[in-house]
Amino acid sequence: MGIKQRKTLRAAAGVLVSFICLAGTIVLLSEGEVITVEMAKLMLVALLALYLGFGFLIAVYRLIDRLK
């Protein structure tokens, strides 16, 4: 496994861990009745949308950078 693949895997693992931590925090807040279930659902959908949106932007940026 090359250095570039390790860096990519490390970055992907970091993104996955940060997503799981944030989603877990939202679930814990919901279970502790700090926020309502509806608000927790909305926050989880928004979190997923942010990660997918920024992931798409990064992928497009890397593709355009490769074309130059």
PDB file of N, CA and C in Angstrom:
ATOM      1  N   MET A   1       0.852  -1.174   0.000  1.00  0.00           N
ATOM      2  CA  MET A   1       0.000   0.000   0.000  1.00  0.00           C
ATOM      3  C   MET A   1       0.895   1.234   0.000  1.00  0.00           C
ATOM      4  N   GLY A   2       0.617   2.129  -0.934  1.00  0.00           N
ATOM      5  CA  GLY A   2       1.435   3.321  -1.065  1.00  0.00           C
ATOM      6  C   GLY A   2       1.073   4.387  -0.050  1.00  0.00           C
ATOM      7  N   ILE A   3       1.922   5.393   0.001  1.00  0.00           N
ATOM      8  CA  ILE A   3       1.723   6.496   0.947  1.00  0.00           C
ATOM      9  C   ILE A   3       0.446   7.267   0.609  1.00  0.00           C
ATOM     10  N   LYS A   4       0.175   7.442  -0.695  1.00  0.00           N
ATOM     11  CA  LYS A   4      -1.014   8.189  -1.101  1.00  0.00           C
ATOM     12  C   LYS A   4      -2.281   7.456  -0.663  1.00  0.00           C
ATOM     13  N   GLN A   5      -2.289   6.134  -0.788  1.00  0.00           N
ATOM     14  CA  GLN A   5      -3.456   5.358  -0.365  1.00  0.00           C
ATOM     15  C   GLN A   5      -3.648   5.443   1.148  1.00  0.00           C
ATOM     16  N   ARG A   6      -2.553   5.427   1.896  1.00  0.00           N
ATOM     17  CA  ARG A   6      -2.652   5.541   3.354  1.00  0.00           C
ATOM     18  C   ARG A   6      -3.224   6.886   3.765  1.00  0.00           C
ATOM     19  N   LYS A   7      -2.784   7.953   3.090  1.00  0.00           N
ATOM     20  CA  LYS A   7      -3.307   9.280   3.403  1.00  0.00           C
ATOM     21  C   LYS A   7      -4.803   9.360   3.096  1.00  0.00           C
ATOM     22  N   THR A   8      -5.203   8.760   1.983  1.00  0.00           N
ATOM     23  CA  THR A   8      -6.617   8.762   1.613  1.00  0.00           C
ATOM     24  C   THR A   8      -7.435   7.978   2.621  1.00  0.00           C
ATOM     25  N   LEU A   9      -6.949   6.817   3.028  1.00  0.00           N
ATOM     26  CA  LEU A   9      -7.659   6.011   4.014  1.00  0.00           C
ATOM     27  C   LEU A   9      -7.725   6.717   5.366  1.00  0.00           C
ATOM     28  N   ARG A  10      -6.655   7.374   5.737  1.00  0.00           N
ATOM     29  CA  ARG A  10      -6.634   8.106   7.004  1.00  0.00           C
ATOM     30  C   ARG A  10      -7.628   9.264   6.980  1.00  0.00           C
ATOM     31  N   ALA A  11      -7.705   9.964   5.855  1.00  0.00           N
ATOM     32  CA  ALA A  11      -8.657  11.068   5.727  1.00  0.00           C
ATOM     33  C   ALA A  11     -10.091  10.548   5.759  1.00  0.00           C
ATOM     34  N   ALA A  12     -10.345   9.445   5.056  1.00  0.00           N
ATOM     35  CA  ALA A  12     -11.688   8.862   5.047  1.00  0.00           C
ATOM     36  C   ALA A  12     -12.084   8.379   6.435  1.00  0.00           C
ATOM     37  N   ALA A  13     -11.140   7.788   7.143  1.00  0.00           N
ATOM     38  CA  ALA A  13     -11.422   7.332   8.507  1.00  0.00           C
ATOM     39  C   ALA A  13     -11.704   8.513   9.429  1.00  0.00           C
ATOM     40  N   GLY A  14     -10.981   9.600   9.257  1.00  0.00           N
ATOM     41  CA  GLY A  14     -11.216  10.796  10.064  1.00  0.00           C
ATOM     42  C   GLY A  14     -12.598  11.382   9.825  1.00  0.00           C
ATOM     43  N   VAL A  15     -13.015  11.428   8.565  1.00  0.00           N
ATOM     44  CA  VAL A  15     -14.342  11.936   8.231  1.00  0.00           C
ATOM     45  C   VAL A  15     -15.417  11.040   8.825  1.00  0.00           C
ATOM     46  N   LEU A  16     -15.226   9.734   8.716  1.00  0.00           N
ATOM     47  CA  LEU A  16     -16.198   8.781   9.262  1.00  0.00           C
ATOM     48  C   LEU A  16     -16.304   8.898  10.778  1.00  0.00           C
ATOM     49  N   VAL A  17     -15.187   9.005  11.453  1.00  0.00           N
ATOM     50  CA  VAL A  17     -15.198   9.137  12.912  1.00  0.00           C
ATOM     51  C   VAL A  17     -15.861  10.439  13.344  1.00  0.00           C
ATOM     52  N   SER A  18     -15.579  11.531  12.635  1.00  0.00           N
ATOM     53  CA  SER A  18     -16.204  12.808  13.003  1.00  0.00           C
ATOM     54  C   SER A  18     -17.712  12.758  12.782  1.00  0.00           C
ATOM     55  N   PHE A  19     -18.161  12.117  11.700  1.00  0.00           N
ATOM     56  CA  PHE A  19     -19.589  11.987  11.453  1.00  0.00           C
ATOM     57  C   PHE A  19     -20.260  11.154  12.539  1.00  0.00           C
ATOM     58  N   ILE A  20     -19.641  10.043  12.909  1.00  0.00           N
ATOM     59  CA  ILE A  20     -20.209   9.173  13.946  1.00  0.00           C
ATOM     60  C   ILE A  20     -20.268   9.904  15.283  1.00  0.00           C
ATOM     61  N   CYS A  21     -19.245  10.663  15.604  1.00  0.00           N
ATOM     62  CA  CYS A  21     -19.246  11.419  16.867  1.00  0.00           C
ATOM     63  C   CYS A  21     -20.351  12.473  16.888  1.00  0.00           C
ATOM     64  N   LEU A  22     -20.498  13.204  15.809  1.00  0.00           N
ATOM     65  CA  LEU A  22     -21.541  14.235  15.755  1.00  0.00           C
ATOM     66  C   LEU A  22     -22.934  13.616  15.772  1.00  0.00           C
ATOM     67  N   ALA A  23     -23.124  12.531  15.035  1.00  0.00           N
ATOM     68  CA  ALA A  23     -24.422  11.855  15.028  1.00  0.00           C
ATOM     69  C   ALA A  23     -24.716  11.261  16.406  1.00  0.00           C
ATOM     70  N   GLY A  24     -23.710  10.704  17.049  1.00  0.00           N
ATOM     71  CA  GLY A  24     -23.891  10.164  18.397  1.00  0.00           C
ATOM     72  C   GLY A  24     -24.252  11.239  19.398  1.00  0.00           C
ATOM     73  N   THR A  25     -23.655  12.401  19.251  1.00  0.00           N
ATOM     74  CA  THR A  25     -23.984  13.526  20.136  1.00  0.00           C
ATOM     75  C   THR A  25     -25.441  13.940  19.962  1.00  0.00           C
ATOM     76  N   ILE A  26     -25.897  13.970  18.721  1.00  0.00           N
ATOM     77  CA  ILE A  26     -27.292  14.335  18.460  1.00  0.00           C
ATOM     78  C   ILE A  26     -28.229  13.295  19.076  1.00  0.00           C
ATOM     79  N   VAL A  27     -27.898  12.023  18.934  1.00  0.00           N
ATOM     80  CA  VAL A  27     -28.735  10.965  19.506  1.00  0.00           C
ATOM     81  C   VAL A  27     -28.737  11.054  21.028  1.00  0.00           C
ATOM     82  N   LEU A  28     -27.585  11.306  21.625  1.00  0.00           N
ATOM     83  CA  LEU A  28     -27.523  11.437  23.084  1.00  0.00           C
ATOM     84  C   LEU A  28     -28.344  12.627  23.580  1.00  0.00           C
ATOM     85  N   LEU A  29     -28.300  13.735  22.867  1.00  0.00           N
ATOM     86  CA  LEU A  29     -29.118  14.887  23.235  1.00  0.00           C
ATOM     87  C   LEU A  29     -30.602  14.559  23.132  1.00  0.00           C
ATOM     88  N   SER A  30     -30.953  13.769  22.138  1.00  0.00           N
ATOM     89  CA  SER A  30     -32.349  13.379  21.978  1.00  0.00           C
ATOM     90  C   SER A  30     -32.786  12.419  23.085  1.00  0.00           C
ATOM     91  N   GLU A  31     -31.933  11.477  23.411  1.00  0.00           N
ATOM     92  CA  GLU A  31     -32.266  10.518  24.472  1.00  0.00           C
ATOM     93  C   GLU A  31     -32.337  11.186  25.836  1.00  0.00           C
ATOM     94  N   GLY A  32     -31.540  12.198  26.040  1.00  0.00           N
ATOM     95  CA  GLY A  32     -31.555  12.942  27.295  1.00  0.00           C
ATOM     96  C   GLY A  32     -32.665  13.982  27.346  1.00  0.00           C
ATOM     97  N   GLU A  33     -33.475  14.017  26.311  1.00  0.00           N
ATOM     98  CA  GLU A  33     -34.608  14.933  26.193  1.00  0.00           C
ATOM     99  C   GLU A  33     -34.196  16.404  26.272  1.00  0.00           C
ATOM    100  N   VAL A  34     -32.987  16.680  25.820  1.00  0.00           N
ATOM    101  CA  VAL A  34     -32.539  18.067  25.697  1.00  0.00           C
ATOM    102  C   VAL A  34     -33.155  18.665  24.435  1.00  0.00           C
ATOM    103  N   ILE A  35     -33.249  17.853  23.382  1.00  0.00           N
ATOM    104  CA  ILE A  35     -33.910  18.247  22.141  1.00  0.00           C
ATOM    105  C   ILE A  35     -35.011  17.233  21.846  1.00  0.00           C
ATOM    106  N   THR A  36     -35.971  17.634  21.039  1.00  0.00           N
ATOM    107  CA  THR A  36     -37.064  16.732  20.700  1.00  0.00           C
ATOM    108  C   THR A  36     -36.610  15.733  19.638  1.00  0.00           C
ATOM    109  N   VAL A  37     -37.399  14.686  19.466  1.00  0.00           N
ATOM    110  CA  VAL A  37     -37.080  13.667  18.466  1.00  0.00           C
ATOM    111  C   VAL A  37     -37.130  14.267  17.058  1.00  0.00           C
ATOM    112  N   GLU A  38     -38.094  15.133  16.816  1.00  0.00           N
ATOM    113  CA  GLU A  38     -38.208  15.766  15.499  1.00  0.00           C
ATOM    114  C   GLU A  38     -36.991  16.638  15.202  1.00  0.00           C
ATOM    115  N   MET A  39     -36.526  17.365  16.210  1.00  0.00           N
ATOM    116  CA  MET A  39     -35.347  18.208  16.018  1.00  0.00           C
ATOM    117  C   MET A  39     -34.111  17.342  15.773  1.00  0.00           C
ATOM    118  N   ALA A  40     -34.023  16.214  16.465  1.00  0.00           N
ATOM    119  CA  ALA A  40     -32.891  15.307  16.263  1.00  0.00           C
ATOM    120  C   ALA A  40     -32.893  14.749  14.842  1.00  0.00           C
ATOM    121  N   LYS A  41     -34.062  14.387  14.354  1.00  0.00           N
ATOM    122  CA  LYS A  41     -34.156  13.882  12.980  1.00  0.00           C
ATOM    123  C   LYS A  41     -33.720  14.954  11.985  1.00  0.00           C
ATOM    124  N   LEU A  42     -34.205  16.165  12.199  1.00  0.00           N
ATOM    125  CA  LEU A  42     -33.834  17.271  11.315  1.00  0.00           C
ATOM    126  C   LEU A  42     -32.331  17.533  11.359  1.00  0.00           C
ATOM    127  N   MET A  43     -31.750  17.491  12.539  1.00  0.00           N
ATOM    128  CA  MET A  43     -30.308  17.717  12.678  1.00  0.00           C
ATOM    129  C   MET A  43     -29.511  16.600  12.008  1.00  0.00           C
ATOM    130  N   LEU A  44     -29.961  15.361  12.106  1.00  0.00           N
ATOM    131  CA  LEU A  44     -29.258  14.252  11.462  1.00  0.00           C
ATOM    132  C   LEU A  44     -29.329  14.358   9.941  1.00  0.00           C
ATOM    133  N   VAL A  45     -30.491  14.744   9.419  1.00  0.00           N
ATOM    134  CA  VAL A  45     -30.619  14.930   7.972  1.00  0.00           C
ATOM    135  C   VAL A  45     -29.724  16.075   7.501  1.00  0.00           C
ATOM    136  N   ALA A  46     -29.693  17.165   8.263  1.00  0.00           N
ATOM    137  CA  ALA A  46     -28.846  18.304   7.899  1.00  0.00           C
ATOM    138  C   ALA A  46     -27.363  17.923   7.952  1.00  0.00           C
ATOM    139  N   LEU A  47     -26.977  17.154   8.957  1.00  0.00           N
ATOM    140  CA  LEU A  47     -25.585  16.704   9.068  1.00  0.00           C
ATOM    141  C   LEU A  47     -25.199  15.831   7.884  1.00  0.00           C
ATOM    142  N   LEU A  48     -26.078  14.909   7.516  1.00  0.00           N
ATOM    143  CA  LEU A  48     -25.818  14.052   6.362  1.00  0.00           C
ATOM    144  C   LEU A  48     -25.710  14.883   5.085  1.00  0.00           C
ATOM    145  N   ALA A  49     -26.594  15.858   4.933  1.00  0.00           N
ATOM    146  CA  ALA A  49     -26.560  16.716   3.745  1.00  0.00           C
ATOM    147  C   ALA A  49     -25.261  17.519   3.681  1.00  0.00           C
ATOM    148  N   LEU A  50     -24.804  18.015   4.820  1.00  0.00           N
ATOM    149  CA  LEU A  50     -23.534  18.758   4.834  1.00  0.00           C
ATOM    150  C   LEU A  50     -22.370  17.874   4.403  1.00  0.00           C
ATOM    151  N   TYR A  51     -22.307  16.668   4.949  1.00  0.00           N
ATOM    152  CA  TYR A  51     -21.204  15.773   4.599  1.00  0.00           C
ATOM    153  C   TYR A  51     -21.262  15.363   3.129  1.00  0.00           C
ATOM    154  N   LEU A  52     -22.457  15.076   2.625  1.00  0.00           N
ATOM    155  CA  LEU A  52     -22.576  14.708   1.214  1.00  0.00           C
ATOM    156  C   LEU A  52     -22.268  15.894   0.306  1.00  0.00           C
ATOM    157  N   GLY A  53     -22.764  17.068   0.657  1.00  0.00           N
ATOM    158  CA  GLY A  53     -22.523  18.259  -0.159  1.00  0.00           C
ATOM    159  C   GLY A  53     -21.053  18.628  -0.238  1.00  0.00           C
ATOM    160  N   PHE A  54     -20.397  18.672   0.910  1.00  0.00           N
ATOM    161  CA  PHE A  54     -18.973  19.010   0.896  1.00  0.00           C
ATOM    162  C   PHE A  54     -18.143  17.905   0.253  1.00  0.00           C
ATOM    163  N   GLY A  55     -18.555  16.665   0.418  1.00  0.00           N
ATOM    164  CA  GLY A  55     -17.860  15.566  -0.257  1.00  0.00           C
ATOM    165  C   GLY A  55     -17.941  15.699  -1.764  1.00  0.00           C
ATOM    166  N   PHE A  56     -19.130  16.066  -2.253  1.00  0.00           N
ATOM    167  CA  PHE A  56     -19.311  16.286  -3.688  1.00  0.00           C
ATOM    168  C   PHE A  56     -18.441  17.439  -4.174  1.00  0.00           C
ATOM    169  N   LEU A  57     -18.418  18.537  -3.418  1.00  0.00           N
ATOM    170  CA  LEU A  57     -17.595  19.678  -3.807  1.00  0.00           C
ATOM    171  C   LEU A  57     -16.104  19.324  -3.852  1.00  0.00           C
ATOM    172  N   ILE A  58     -15.651  18.566  -2.881  1.00  0.00           N
ATOM    173  CA  ILE A  58     -14.243  18.158  -2.860  1.00  0.00           C
ATOM    174  C   ILE A  58     -13.931  17.250  -4.039  1.00  0.00           C
ATOM    175  N   ALA A  59     -14.840  16.329  -4.357  1.00  0.00           N
ATOM    176  CA  ALA A  59     -14.622  15.429  -5.489  1.00  0.00           C
ATOM    177  C   ALA A  59     -14.556  16.204  -6.805  1.00  0.00           C
ATOM    178  N   VAL A  60     -15.447  17.164  -6.983  1.00  0.00           N
ATOM    179  CA  VAL A  60     -15.441  17.974  -8.208  1.00  0.00           C
ATOM    180  C   VAL A  60     -14.170  18.816  -8.279  1.00  0.00           C
ATOM    181  N   TYR A  61     -13.761  19.393  -7.153  1.00  0.00           N
ATOM    182  CA  TYR A  61     -12.538  20.193  -7.131  1.00  0.00           C
ATOM    183  C   TYR A  61     -11.322  19.345  -7.526  1.00  0.00           C
ATOM    184  N   ARG A  62     -11.250  18.136  -6.987  1.00  0.00           N
ATOM    185  CA  ARG A  62     -10.113  17.274  -7.325  1.00  0.00           C
ATOM    186  C   ARG A  62     -10.151  16.853  -8.792  1.00  0.00           C
ATOM    187  N   LEU A  63     -11.353  16.637  -9.326  1.00  0.00           N
ATOM    188  CA  LEU A  63     -11.482  16.276 -10.735  1.00  0.00           C
ATOM    189  C   LEU A  63     -11.049  17.428 -11.635  1.00  0.00           C
ATOM    190  N   ILE A  64     -11.495  18.636 -11.323  1.00  0.00           N
ATOM    191  CA  ILE A  64     -11.118  19.798 -12.135  1.00  0.00           C
ATOM    192  C   ILE A  64      -9.622  20.057 -12.020  1.00  0.00           C
ATOM    193  N   ASP A  65      -9.069  19.889 -10.814  1.00  0.00           N
ATOM    194  CA  ASP A  65      -7.637  20.090 -10.620  1.00  0.00           C
ATOM    195  C   ASP A  65      -6.828  19.090 -11.443  1.00  0.00           C
ATOM    196  N   ARG A  66      -7.341  17.881 -11.568  1.00  0.00           N
ATOM    197  CA  ARG A  66      -6.646  16.849 -12.347  1.00  0.00           C
ATOM    198  C   ARG A  66      -6.703  17.141 -13.829  1.00  0.00           C
ATOM    199  N   LEU A  67      -7.757  17.827 -14.292  1.00  0.00           N
ATOM    200  CA  LEU A  67      -7.894  18.125 -15.720  1.00  0.00           C
ATOM    201  C   LEU A  67      -6.953  19.230 -16.193  1.00  0.00           C
ATOM    202  N   LYS A  68      -6.520  20.088 -15.301  1.00  0.00           N
ATOM    203  CA  LYS A  68      -5.658  21.208 -15.687  1.00  0.00           C
ATOM    204  C   LYS A  68      -4.273  20.789 -16.060  1.00  0.00           C
TER     205      LYS A  68
END
